[in-house]
C-alpha atoms as a PDB file:
ATOM      1  CA  MET A   1     100.227  96.821 115.611  1.00  0.00           C
ATOM      2  CA  ASP A   2     102.487  94.060 114.135  1.00  0.00           C
ATOM      3  CA  GLU A   3     105.246  93.331 111.583  1.00  0.00           C
ATOM      4  CA  ASN A   4     102.824  94.053 108.751  1.00  0.00           C
ATOM      5  CA  THR A   5     101.265  97.497 110.610  1.00  0.00           C
ATOM      6  CA  THR A   6     103.688 100.488 111.027  1.00  0.00           C
ATOM      7  CA  PRO A   7     102.504 102.847 114.377  1.00  0.00           C
ATOM      8  CA  PRO A   8     101.181 105.361 111.568  1.00  0.00           C
ATOM      9  CA  GLU A   9      98.491 102.851 110.356  1.00  0.00           C
ATOM     10  CA  ALA A  10      97.624 101.385 114.003  1.00  0.00           C
ATOM     11  CA  GLY A  11      96.880 105.259 114.888  1.00  0.00           C
ATOM     12  CA  LEU A  12      99.926 105.505 117.356  1.00  0.00           C
ATOM     13  CA  THR A  13     102.267 108.096 115.784  1.00  0.00           C
ATOM     14  CA  TRP A  14     102.374 109.786 118.779  1.00  0.00           C
ATOM     15  CA  LEU A  15     104.539 106.874 120.886  1.00  0.00           C
ATOM     16  CA  ILE A  16     107.310 108.175 118.460  1.00  0.00           C
ATOM     17  CA  GLY A  17     109.409 110.748 120.318  1.00  0.00           C
ATOM     18  CA  LYS A  18     110.384 114.017 118.289  1.00  0.00           C
ATOM     19  CA  THR A  19     113.940 113.491 119.606  1.00  0.00           C
ATOM     20  CA  ARG A  20     113.734 110.148 117.728  1.00  0.00           C
ATOM     21  CA  LYS A  21     112.032 111.567 114.582  1.00  0.00           C
ATOM     22  CA  GLU A  22     114.569 114.256 113.935  1.00  0.00           C
ATOM     23  CA  ARG A  23     117.177 111.900 114.240  1.00  0.00           C
ATOM     24  CA  ARG A  24     115.898 109.506 112.224  1.00  0.00           C
ATOM     25  CA  ASP A  25     117.505 106.314 114.409  1.00  0.00           C
ATOM     26  CA  PHE A  26     114.775 103.661 114.512  1.00  0.00           C
ATOM     27  CA  PRO A  27     113.740 100.904 113.232  1.00  0.00           C
ATOM     28  CA  GLY A  28     111.539 101.371 109.566  1.00  0.00           C
ATOM     29  CA  ALA A  29     111.851 105.176 110.080  1.00  0.00           C
ATOM     30  CA  PRO A  30     112.166 106.088 106.020  1.00  0.00           C
ATOM     31  CA  LYS A  31     108.768 104.594 105.364  1.00  0.00           C
ATOM     32  CA  ILE A  32     107.239 105.499 108.695  1.00  0.00           C
ATOM     33  CA  LEU A  33     108.328 109.065 108.345  1.00  0.00           C
ATOM     34  CA  GLU A  34     107.054 109.268 104.746  1.00  0.00           C
ATOM     35  CA  GLN A  35     103.344 107.798 105.797  1.00  0.00           C
ATOM     36  CA  ILE A  36     103.732 111.180 108.734  1.00  0.00           C
ATOM     37  CA  GLN A  37     104.567 113.551 106.262  1.00  0.00           C
ATOM     38  CA  ASN A  38     102.603 112.589 103.324  1.00  0.00           C
ATOM     39  CA  LYS A  39      99.742 110.609 105.348  1.00  0.00           C
ATOM     40  CA  ASN A  40     100.236 108.102 102.781  1.00  0.00           C
ATOM     41  CA  LEU A  41      98.618 105.122 104.697  1.00  0.00           C
ATOM     42  CA  LYS A  42      97.629 101.826 103.002  1.00  0.00           C
ATOM     43  CA  LYS A  43      95.379 100.859 106.009  1.00  0.00           C
ATOM     44  CA  ARG A  44      93.376 102.313 108.052  1.00  0.00           C
ATOM     45  CA  ARG A  45      92.003 101.722 111.750  1.00  0.00           C
ATOM     46  CA  ILE A  46      88.156 101.626 111.937  1.00  0.00           C
ATOM     47  CA  GLY A  47      85.940 101.212 115.549  1.00  0.00           C
ATOM     48  CA  LEU A  48      83.569  98.801 115.527  1.00  0.00           C
ATOM     49  CA  SER A  49      79.959  98.289 117.220  1.00  0.00           C
ATOM     50  CA  SER A  50      77.364  95.970 117.635  1.00  0.00           C
ATOM     51  CA  THR A  51      74.395  94.855 120.117  1.00  0.00           C
ATOM     52  CA  GLU A  52      74.187  90.773 118.389  1.00  0.00           C
ATOM     53  CA  GLY A  53      76.151  87.998 118.176  1.00  0.00           C
ATOM     54  CA  PRO A  54      79.217  87.311 119.894  1.00  0.00           C
ATOM     55  CA  PRO A  55      82.226  89.772 120.080  1.00  0.00           C
ATOM     56  CA  PRO A  56      84.635  90.133 117.327  1.00  0.00           C
ATOM     57  CA  ARG A  57      88.172  88.333 117.638  1.00  0.00           C
ATOM     58  CA  SER A  58      91.273  88.580 116.395  1.00  0.00           C
ATOM     59  CA  HIS A  59      91.724  87.910 112.589  1.00  0.00           C
ATOM     60  CA  MET A  60      88.245  87.882 112.078  1.00  0.00           C
ATOM     61  CA  PRO A  61      87.621  89.087 108.261  1.00  0.00           C
ATOM     62  CA  ILE A  62      85.530  92.373 107.779  1.00  0.00           C
ATOM     63  CA  VAL A  63      83.654  91.942 104.364  1.00  0.00           C
ATOM     64  CA  ASP A  64      81.585  93.749 102.570  1.00  0.00           C
ATOM     65  CA  ASP A  65      77.606  93.308 101.164  1.00  0.00           C
ATOM     66  CA  ALA A  66      79.049  91.549  98.462  1.00  0.00           C
ATOM     67  CA  GLY A  67      81.360  88.935 100.365  1.00  0.00           C
ATOM     68  CA  LYS A  68      85.250  90.446  99.938  1.00  0.00           C
ATOM     69  CA  LYS A  69      87.140  90.907 102.450  1.00  0.00           C
ATOM     70  CA  ILE A  70      88.047  94.540 102.973  1.00  0.00           C
ATOM     71  CA  GLY A  71      89.693  94.378 106.570  1.00  0.00           C
ATOM     72  CA  GLU A  72      90.568  91.820 109.564  1.00  0.00           C
ATOM     73  CA  VAL A  73      89.487  92.600 113.335  1.00  0.00           C
ATOM     74  CA  THR A  74      92.756  93.408 115.852  1.00  0.00           C
ATOM     75  CA  SER A  75      91.250  93.220 119.284  1.00  0.00           C
ATOM     76  CA  GLY A  76      87.521  93.189 120.445  1.00  0.00           C
ATOM     77  CA  CYS A  77      85.229  92.230 123.721  1.00  0.00           C
ATOM     78  CA  CYS A  78      81.987  92.369 125.069  1.00  0.00           C
ATOM     79  CA  LEU A  79      81.034  95.409 127.299  1.00  0.00           C
ATOM     80  CA  LYS A  80      79.208  94.484 130.378  1.00  0.00           C
ATOM     81  CA  THR A  81      76.393  96.944 128.765  1.00  0.00           C
ATOM     82  CA  GLY A  82      75.743  94.161 126.280  1.00  0.00           C
ATOM     83  CA  HIS A  83      77.558  95.858 123.406  1.00  0.00           C
ATOM     84  CA  ASN A  84      80.633  94.563 121.298  1.00  0.00           C
ATOM     85  CA  ILE A  85      83.498  96.644 120.655  1.00  0.00           C
ATOM     86  CA  GLY A  86      86.274  96.103 118.677  1.00  0.00           C
ATOM     87  CA  LEU A  87      89.199  97.824 116.341  1.00  0.00           C
ATOM     88  CA  CYS A  88      89.934  96.842 112.613  1.00  0.00           C
ATOM     89  CA  LEU A  89      92.358  97.342 109.991  1.00  0.00           C
ATOM     90  CA  GLN A  90      90.829  98.485 106.542  1.00  0.00           C
END
């Protein structure tokens, strides 16, 4: 999550307390509550896994078969099993 990604887009809606939702007293409340109610998300969180190459790193682009950028890695690491995992926003 960053300045350009809301809690619902990052899959972190559960971190917004019930009382705060009811009071609507937090930064970005109108946009965030509208996203929660209508499930109107401009981005979606996707998990990555591979066994080849280096692990994904923050800000690496995710591209489709045509080479068009469709997302960006938010975090990644290499596991002891030899698998690389990561999260990206599309």
